[in-house]
Amino acid sequence: MSTYTQILYQIVFSTKNRKPVLLKENREKLYKDIWGILKNKNCHLYRINGVEDHLHIITHLHPSISLSNLVKDIKLGSSNYMKENQLFPDFDGWQEGYAAFTYTIKEKEGLIRYVQNQEEHHKKMTFKEELVVLLKEHNVEFNGRYLV
């Protein structure tokens, strides 16, 4: 039998120390680079978006790819790309760690809308507040002191 999967992941991670350095005018270039990384790993990108201090990626992982390796490859590859192309002069790197949540295919459209509207969403809520909501919605145990 072949391997069949349909698991949507929302991957979320921040710039180092949540520094607001991902300036809007160059974010699309960053997103295209990350899309290329995902494509090279046979992962389907449904949506990527973010604001100055963090990103949200909605993707399907190819069954041969582990989540932790994918995030590592995205962070390393995109960091190199940003530095080589001087996209964000004050970018010091990505934070350690990430958050990832799974969704059913039935939740895809709502999830895409949520990620599309990040700028509007963050007029009302900080990244830390958003992360706490996501962790609680998905029943993930966490220690607030590590949510710098």
N, C-alpha and C. Protein backbone atom coordinates (compact mmCIF):
# COMPACT_ATOMS: atom_id res chain seq x y z
N MET A 1 0.84 -1.19 0.00
CA MET A 1 0.00 0.00 0.00
C MET A 1 0.88 1.25 0.00
N SER A 2 0.40 2.31 -0.59
CA SER A 2 1.10 3.60 -0.58
C SER A 2 0.83 4.33 0.72
N THR A 3 1.50 5.45 0.91
CA THR A 3 1.30 6.28 2.09
C THR A 3 0.43 7.47 1.70
N TYR A 4 -0.63 7.68 2.46
CA TYR A 4 -1.54 8.79 2.20
C TYR A 4 -1.70 9.59 3.49
N THR A 5 -1.55 10.90 3.37
CA THR A 5 -1.76 11.76 4.54
C THR A 5 -2.47 13.03 4.11
N GLN A 6 -3.14 13.67 5.04
CA GLN A 6 -3.74 14.97 4.82
C GLN A 6 -3.79 15.68 6.17
N ILE A 7 -2.66 16.23 6.55
CA ILE A 7 -2.56 16.92 7.82
C ILE A 7 -2.05 18.33 7.54
N LEU A 8 -2.84 19.30 7.92
CA LEU A 8 -2.42 20.70 7.79
C LEU A 8 -1.68 21.10 9.06
N TYR A 9 -0.58 21.76 8.87
CA TYR A 9 0.17 22.33 9.99
C TYR A 9 0.15 23.84 9.90
N GLN A 10 -0.02 24.47 11.04
CA GLN A 10 0.25 25.90 11.16
C GLN A 10 1.54 25.98 11.97
N ILE A 11 2.58 26.50 11.35
CA ILE A 11 3.88 26.65 12.01
C ILE A 11 4.06 28.13 12.30
N VAL A 12 4.46 28.43 13.52
CA VAL A 12 4.60 29.81 13.94
C VAL A 12 5.95 29.97 14.63
N PHE A 13 6.72 30.97 14.20
CA PHE A 13 7.94 31.30 14.93
C PHE A 13 8.26 32.77 14.77
N SER A 14 9.12 33.24 15.66
CA SER A 14 9.38 34.67 15.79
C SER A 14 10.84 34.99 15.47
N THR A 15 11.06 36.27 15.23
CA THR A 15 12.43 36.75 15.11
C THR A 15 13.09 36.68 16.50
N LYS A 16 14.40 36.66 16.51
CA LYS A 16 15.14 36.61 17.77
C LYS A 16 14.75 37.81 18.63
N ASN A 17 14.41 37.52 19.88
CA ASN A 17 13.98 38.53 20.85
C ASN A 17 12.75 39.32 20.37
N ARG A 18 12.01 38.73 19.47
CA ARG A 18 10.80 39.35 18.90
C ARG A 18 11.07 40.74 18.35
N LYS A 19 12.24 40.91 17.80
CA LYS A 19 12.62 42.20 17.23
C LYS A 19 11.75 42.48 16.00
N PRO A 20 11.13 43.64 15.90
CA PRO A 20 10.24 43.96 14.77
C PRO A 20 11.03 44.41 13.54
N VAL A 21 11.68 43.45 12.88
CA VAL A 21 12.61 43.77 11.79
C VAL A 21 12.13 43.33 10.40
N LEU A 22 11.07 42.54 10.34
CA LEU A 22 10.60 42.04 9.04
C LEU A 22 9.73 43.11 8.38
N LEU A 23 10.41 44.06 7.75
CA LEU A 23 9.73 45.20 7.16
C LEU A 23 8.86 44.76 5.99
N LYS A 24 7.70 45.37 5.89
CA LYS A 24 6.68 44.95 4.93
C LYS A 24 7.18 44.92 3.49
N GLU A 25 8.00 45.90 3.09
CA GLU A 25 8.40 45.99 1.68
C GLU A 25 9.21 44.79 1.19
N ASN A 26 9.83 44.01 2.08
CA ASN A 26 10.61 42.86 1.63
C ASN A 26 10.06 41.51 2.07
N ARG A 27 8.93 41.52 2.76
CA ARG A 27 8.37 40.25 3.24
C ARG A 27 8.01 39.30 2.10
N GLU A 28 7.48 39.82 0.99
CA GLU A 28 7.10 38.94 -0.12
C GLU A 28 8.30 38.16 -0.65
N LYS A 29 9.47 38.77 -0.69
CA LYS A 29 10.68 38.08 -1.12
C LYS A 29 11.01 36.95 -0.15
N LEU A 30 10.88 37.22 1.14
CA LEU A 30 11.10 36.19 2.15
C LEU A 30 10.11 35.05 1.98
N TYR A 31 8.85 35.38 1.77
CA TYR A 31 7.82 34.36 1.60
C TYR A 31 8.10 33.47 0.39
N LYS A 32 8.54 34.08 -0.70
CA LYS A 32 8.87 33.29 -1.90
C LYS A 32 10.04 32.35 -1.64
N ASP A 33 11.02 32.81 -0.87
CA ASP A 33 12.14 31.95 -0.53
C ASP A 33 11.67 30.76 0.30
N ILE A 34 10.85 31.01 1.29
CA ILE A 34 10.33 29.92 2.14
C ILE A 34 9.46 28.98 1.32
N TRP A 35 8.68 29.51 0.40
CA TRP A 35 7.88 28.67 -0.49
C TRP A 35 8.79 27.73 -1.28
N GLY A 36 9.91 28.25 -1.76
CA GLY A 36 10.87 27.42 -2.49
C GLY A 36 11.44 26.32 -1.63
N ILE A 37 11.74 26.61 -0.37
CA ILE A 37 12.25 25.59 0.56
C ILE A 37 11.21 24.50 0.73
N LEU A 38 9.96 24.89 0.95
CA LEU A 38 8.88 23.91 1.13
C LEU A 38 8.69 23.06 -0.13
N LYS A 39 8.72 23.72 -1.27
CA LYS A 39 8.55 23.02 -2.55
C LYS A 39 9.66 21.98 -2.76
N ASN A 40 10.90 22.34 -2.40
CA ASN A 40 12.02 21.42 -2.53
C ASN A 40 11.91 20.22 -1.59
N LYS A 41 11.11 20.36 -0.54
CA LYS A 41 10.88 19.27 0.41
C LYS A 41 9.57 18.53 0.11
N ASN A 42 8.98 18.82 -1.04
CA ASN A 42 7.71 18.20 -1.45
C ASN A 42 6.57 18.49 -0.47
N CYS A 43 6.60 19.68 0.13
CA CYS A 43 5.53 20.11 1.02
C CYS A 43 4.69 21.15 0.29
N HIS A 44 3.40 21.10 0.50
CA HIS A 44 2.50 22.04 -0.17
C HIS A 44 2.25 23.24 0.74
N LEU A 45 2.56 24.44 0.25
CA LEU A 45 2.29 25.67 0.99
C LEU A 45 0.88 26.15 0.65
N TYR A 46 0.06 26.32 1.68
CA TYR A 46 -1.28 26.87 1.49
C TYR A 46 -1.28 28.38 1.70
N ARG A 47 -0.48 28.84 2.67
CA ARG A 47 -0.44 30.27 2.95
C ARG A 47 0.73 30.57 3.87
N ILE A 48 1.35 31.71 3.65
CA ILE A 48 2.37 32.23 4.55
C ILE A 48 2.09 33.71 4.72
N ASN A 49 2.26 34.19 5.94
CA ASN A 49 2.08 35.61 6.20
C ASN A 49 2.65 35.89 7.58
N GLY A 50 2.77 37.15 7.87
CA GLY A 50 3.29 37.53 9.17
C GLY A 50 3.30 39.03 9.32
N VAL A 51 3.94 39.45 10.38
CA VAL A 51 4.12 40.86 10.67
C VAL A 51 5.60 41.07 11.00
N GLU A 52 5.92 42.18 11.58
CA GLU A 52 7.32 42.56 11.80
C GLU A 52 8.11 41.58 12.65
N ASP A 53 7.44 40.84 13.55
CA ASP A 53 8.20 40.01 14.49
C ASP A 53 7.91 38.51 14.42
N HIS A 54 7.05 38.06 13.53
CA HIS A 54 6.83 36.61 13.45
C HIS A 54 6.13 36.21 12.15
N LEU A 55 6.16 34.91 11.89
CA LEU A 55 5.55 34.33 10.69
C LEU A 55 4.58 33.21 11.05
N HIS A 56 3.60 33.02 10.16
CA HIS A 56 2.71 31.88 10.21
C HIS A 56 2.83 31.18 8.86
N ILE A 57 3.00 29.88 8.88
CA ILE A 57 3.08 29.08 7.66
C ILE A 57 2.04 27.98 7.75
N ILE A 58 1.19 27.89 6.73
CA ILE A 58 0.23 26.78 6.66
C ILE A 58 0.72 25.86 5.55
N THR A 59 1.01 24.64 5.92
CA THR A 59 1.58 23.71 4.95
C THR A 59 1.13 22.29 5.23
N HIS A 60 1.27 21.47 4.23
CA HIS A 60 1.12 20.03 4.36
C HIS A 60 2.53 19.46 4.30
N LEU A 61 2.89 18.60 5.23
CA LEU A 61 4.21 17.99 5.22
C LEU A 61 4.19 16.70 4.42
N HIS A 62 5.18 16.54 3.58
CA HIS A 62 5.36 15.27 2.89
C HIS A 62 5.65 14.22 3.95
N PRO A 63 5.13 13.00 3.81
CA PRO A 63 5.31 11.97 4.86
C PRO A 63 6.78 11.65 5.18
N SER A 64 7.69 11.94 4.28
CA SER A 64 9.09 11.62 4.54
C SER A 64 9.83 12.72 5.31
N ILE A 65 9.15 13.83 5.58
CA ILE A 65 9.77 14.99 6.23
C ILE A 65 9.31 15.09 7.68
N SER A 66 10.25 15.27 8.58
CA SER A 66 9.85 15.51 9.98
C SER A 66 9.64 17.01 10.18
N LEU A 67 8.72 17.32 11.05
CA LEU A 67 8.39 18.72 11.32
C LEU A 67 9.62 19.48 11.82
N SER A 68 10.34 18.92 12.77
CA SER A 68 11.50 19.63 13.34
C SER A 68 12.57 19.88 12.29
N ASN A 69 12.82 18.92 11.40
CA ASN A 69 13.81 19.13 10.33
C ASN A 69 13.33 20.18 9.34
N LEU A 70 12.05 20.18 9.05
CA LEU A 70 11.52 21.18 8.12
C LEU A 70 11.69 22.59 8.69
N VAL A 71 11.32 22.77 9.95
CA VAL A 71 11.44 24.10 10.56
C VAL A 71 12.91 24.52 10.59
N LYS A 72 13.79 23.60 10.93
CA LYS A 72 15.23 23.90 10.94
C LYS A 72 15.69 24.35 9.56
N ASP A 73 15.26 23.63 8.52
CA ASP A 73 15.66 23.98 7.15
C ASP A 73 15.09 25.34 6.72
N ILE A 74 13.85 25.62 7.12
CA ILE A 74 13.24 26.91 6.81
C ILE A 74 14.02 28.04 7.49
N LYS A 75 14.31 27.87 8.76
CA LYS A 75 15.02 28.91 9.49
C LYS A 75 16.43 29.13 8.94
N LEU A 76 17.16 28.05 8.73
CA LEU A 76 18.54 28.19 8.21
C LEU A 76 18.55 28.78 6.81
N GLY A 77 17.71 28.22 5.93
CA GLY A 77 17.67 28.68 4.55
C GLY A 77 17.23 30.12 4.43
N SER A 78 16.18 30.48 5.15
CA SER A 78 15.67 31.85 5.04
C SER A 78 16.63 32.85 5.70
N SER A 79 17.29 32.45 6.78
CA SER A 79 18.29 33.34 7.41
C SER A 79 19.41 33.65 6.44
N ASN A 80 19.92 32.60 5.79
CA ASN A 80 20.99 32.80 4.80
C ASN A 80 20.52 33.70 3.66
N TYR A 81 19.32 33.44 3.16
CA TYR A 81 18.77 34.23 2.07
C TYR A 81 18.64 35.71 2.46
N MET A 82 18.10 35.96 3.65
CA MET A 82 17.90 37.35 4.09
C MET A 82 19.23 38.07 4.25
N LYS A 83 20.23 37.37 4.80
CA LYS A 83 21.54 38.00 4.99
C LYS A 83 22.24 38.25 3.66
N GLU A 84 22.21 37.25 2.76
CA GLU A 84 22.86 37.40 1.45
C GLU A 84 22.25 38.54 0.64
N ASN A 85 20.94 38.70 0.74
CA ASN A 85 20.23 39.71 -0.04
C ASN A 85 19.95 40.99 0.75
N GLN A 86 20.43 41.04 1.97
CA GLN A 86 20.26 42.21 2.83
C GLN A 86 18.81 42.72 2.85
N LEU A 87 17.88 41.77 3.01
CA LEU A 87 16.46 42.12 3.01
C LEU A 87 16.06 42.93 4.24
N PHE A 88 16.55 42.50 5.38
CA PHE A 88 16.17 43.14 6.65
C PHE A 88 17.47 43.42 7.42
N PRO A 89 18.01 44.63 7.30
CA PRO A 89 19.32 44.94 7.87
C PRO A 89 19.47 44.63 9.37
N ASP A 90 18.40 44.74 10.14
CA ASP A 90 18.49 44.51 11.59
C ASP A 90 18.13 43.08 12.00
N PHE A 91 17.94 42.18 11.05
CA PHE A 91 17.61 40.79 11.36
C PHE A 91 18.82 40.10 11.99
N ASP A 92 18.62 39.58 13.21
CA ASP A 92 19.69 38.89 13.95
C ASP A 92 19.51 37.38 13.93
N GLY A 93 18.41 36.90 13.39
CA GLY A 93 18.13 35.47 13.38
C GLY A 93 16.73 35.20 13.88
N TRP A 94 16.38 33.93 13.85
CA TRP A 94 15.08 33.48 14.34
C TRP A 94 15.21 33.06 15.79
N GLN A 95 14.11 33.10 16.51
CA GLN A 95 14.09 32.61 17.89
C GLN A 95 14.38 31.11 17.89
N GLU A 96 14.81 30.61 19.04
CA GLU A 96 14.90 29.16 19.20
C GLU A 96 13.48 28.64 19.34
N GLY A 97 13.25 27.46 18.82
CA GLY A 97 11.95 26.84 18.97
C GLY A 97 10.91 27.36 18.00
N TYR A 98 9.72 26.82 18.12
CA TYR A 98 8.60 27.16 17.26
C TYR A 98 7.34 26.59 17.88
N ALA A 99 6.21 26.96 17.34
CA ALA A 99 4.94 26.35 17.71
C ALA A 99 4.35 25.76 16.44
N ALA A 100 3.73 24.60 16.57
CA ALA A 100 3.09 23.98 15.41
C ALA A 100 1.79 23.33 15.87
N PHE A 101 0.77 23.52 15.06
CA PHE A 101 -0.55 23.02 15.39
C PHE A 101 -1.12 22.30 14.18
N THR A 102 -1.87 21.24 14.40
CA THR A 102 -2.47 20.50 13.30
C THR A 102 -3.94 20.86 13.17
N TYR A 103 -4.42 20.72 11.93
CA TYR A 103 -5.81 21.04 11.60
C TYR A 103 -6.32 20.01 10.60
N THR A 104 -7.63 19.85 10.56
CA THR A 104 -8.22 19.00 9.55
C THR A 104 -8.40 19.79 8.26
N ILE A 105 -8.57 19.09 7.17
CA ILE A 105 -8.76 19.75 5.88
C ILE A 105 -10.03 20.61 5.88
N LYS A 106 -11.00 20.26 6.70
CA LYS A 106 -12.24 21.04 6.78
C LYS A 106 -11.99 22.43 7.38
N GLU A 107 -10.90 22.59 8.11
CA GLU A 107 -10.58 23.87 8.73
C GLU A 107 -9.69 24.75 7.85
N LYS A 108 -9.33 24.24 6.68
CA LYS A 108 -8.35 24.91 5.82
C LYS A 108 -8.73 26.34 5.45
N GLU A 109 -9.93 26.58 4.96
CA GLU A 109 -10.31 27.92 4.50
C GLU A 109 -10.29 28.95 5.63
N GLY A 110 -10.80 28.59 6.79
CA GLY A 110 -10.78 29.50 7.94
C GLY A 110 -9.36 29.79 8.40
N LEU A 111 -8.53 28.77 8.37
CA LEU A 111 -7.14 28.93 8.76
C LEU A 111 -6.40 29.85 7.79
N ILE A 112 -6.65 29.68 6.51
CA ILE A 112 -6.04 30.54 5.49
C ILE A 112 -6.47 32.00 5.71
N ARG A 113 -7.75 32.21 5.96
CA ARG A 113 -8.23 33.58 6.22
C ARG A 113 -7.56 34.17 7.46
N TYR A 114 -7.43 33.36 8.48
CA TYR A 114 -6.79 33.82 9.71
C TYR A 114 -5.35 34.29 9.43
N VAL A 115 -4.60 33.52 8.68
CA VAL A 115 -3.21 33.86 8.39
C VAL A 115 -3.15 35.04 7.41
N GLN A 116 -4.07 35.11 6.47
CA GLN A 116 -4.11 36.25 5.54
C GLN A 116 -4.28 37.57 6.27
N ASN A 117 -5.01 37.56 7.36
CA ASN A 117 -5.37 38.79 8.06
C ASN A 117 -4.47 39.10 9.24
N GLN A 118 -3.23 38.70 9.18
CA GLN A 118 -2.32 38.90 10.31
C GLN A 118 -2.14 40.38 10.69
N GLU A 119 -1.97 41.23 9.72
CA GLU A 119 -1.74 42.64 10.06
C GLU A 119 -2.93 43.23 10.80
N GLU A 120 -4.12 42.94 10.32
CA GLU A 120 -5.34 43.44 10.98
C GLU A 120 -5.46 42.82 12.37
N HIS A 121 -5.20 41.54 12.46
CA HIS A 121 -5.29 40.80 13.72
C HIS A 121 -4.36 41.40 14.77
N HIS A 122 -3.16 41.78 14.35
CA HIS A 122 -2.17 42.27 15.33
C HIS A 122 -2.31 43.74 15.67
N LYS A 123 -3.33 44.38 15.17
CA LYS A 123 -3.67 45.71 15.65
C LYS A 123 -4.36 45.60 17.01
N LYS A 124 -4.89 44.40 17.30
CA LYS A 124 -5.65 44.17 18.52
C LYS A 124 -4.93 43.27 19.52
N MET A 125 -3.94 42.53 19.06
CA MET A 125 -3.33 41.50 19.91
C MET A 125 -1.84 41.36 19.60
N THR A 126 -1.03 41.22 20.64
CA THR A 126 0.40 41.00 20.44
C THR A 126 0.66 39.56 20.04
N PHE A 127 1.87 39.30 19.57
CA PHE A 127 2.24 37.93 19.22
C PHE A 127 2.16 37.02 20.43
N LYS A 128 2.64 37.47 21.57
CA LYS A 128 2.59 36.65 22.78
C LYS A 128 1.15 36.31 23.15
N GLU A 129 0.26 37.29 23.08
CA GLU A 129 -1.15 37.04 23.39
C GLU A 129 -1.74 36.03 22.40
N GLU A 130 -1.40 36.20 21.12
CA GLU A 130 -1.88 35.28 20.10
C GLU A 130 -1.37 33.87 20.35
N LEU A 131 -0.09 33.75 20.69
CA LEU A 131 0.49 32.44 20.93
C LEU A 131 -0.17 31.74 22.11
N VAL A 132 -0.43 32.49 23.17
CA VAL A 132 -1.11 31.92 24.33
C VAL A 132 -2.49 31.39 23.94
N VAL A 133 -3.23 32.15 23.14
CA VAL A 133 -4.55 31.70 22.68
C VAL A 133 -4.41 30.40 21.88
N LEU A 134 -3.46 30.35 20.95
CA LEU A 134 -3.27 29.14 20.14
C LEU A 134 -2.89 27.95 21.01
N LEU A 135 -1.99 28.14 21.94
CA LEU A 135 -1.57 27.05 22.82
C LEU A 135 -2.76 26.53 23.63
N LYS A 136 -3.56 27.44 24.16
CA LYS A 136 -4.73 27.03 24.95
C LYS A 136 -5.77 26.33 24.08
N GLU A 137 -6.03 26.88 22.87
CA GLU A 137 -7.01 26.25 21.97
C GLU A 137 -6.64 24.81 21.64
N HIS A 138 -5.34 24.55 21.57
CA HIS A 138 -4.87 23.22 21.19
C HIS A 138 -4.45 22.37 22.39
N ASN A 139 -4.80 22.84 23.60
CA ASN A 139 -4.51 22.11 24.83
C ASN A 139 -3.04 21.75 24.98
N VAL A 140 -2.17 22.70 24.63
CA VAL A 140 -0.73 22.49 24.77
C VAL A 140 -0.30 23.06 26.11
N GLU A 141 0.31 22.23 26.94
CA GLU A 141 0.83 22.71 28.22
C GLU A 141 2.06 23.57 27.95
N PHE A 142 2.17 24.69 28.67
CA PHE A 142 3.30 25.58 28.49
C PHE A 142 3.59 26.33 29.76
N ASN A 143 4.80 26.82 29.85
CA ASN A 143 5.21 27.65 30.97
C ASN A 143 5.35 29.08 30.43
N GLY A 144 4.56 29.98 30.95
CA GLY A 144 4.52 31.36 30.47
C GLY A 144 5.85 32.08 30.50
N ARG A 145 6.75 31.68 31.40
CA ARG A 145 8.03 32.40 31.48
C ARG A 145 8.92 32.10 30.28
N TYR A 146 8.59 31.05 29.50
CA TYR A 146 9.37 30.74 28.30
C TYR A 146 8.79 31.38 27.05
N LEU A 147 7.73 32.13 27.23
CA LEU A 147 7.11 32.85 26.11
C LEU A 147 7.63 34.29 26.10
N VAL A 148 8.91 34.44 26.05
CA VAL A 148 9.59 35.74 26.14
C VAL A 148 8.89 36.78 25.29
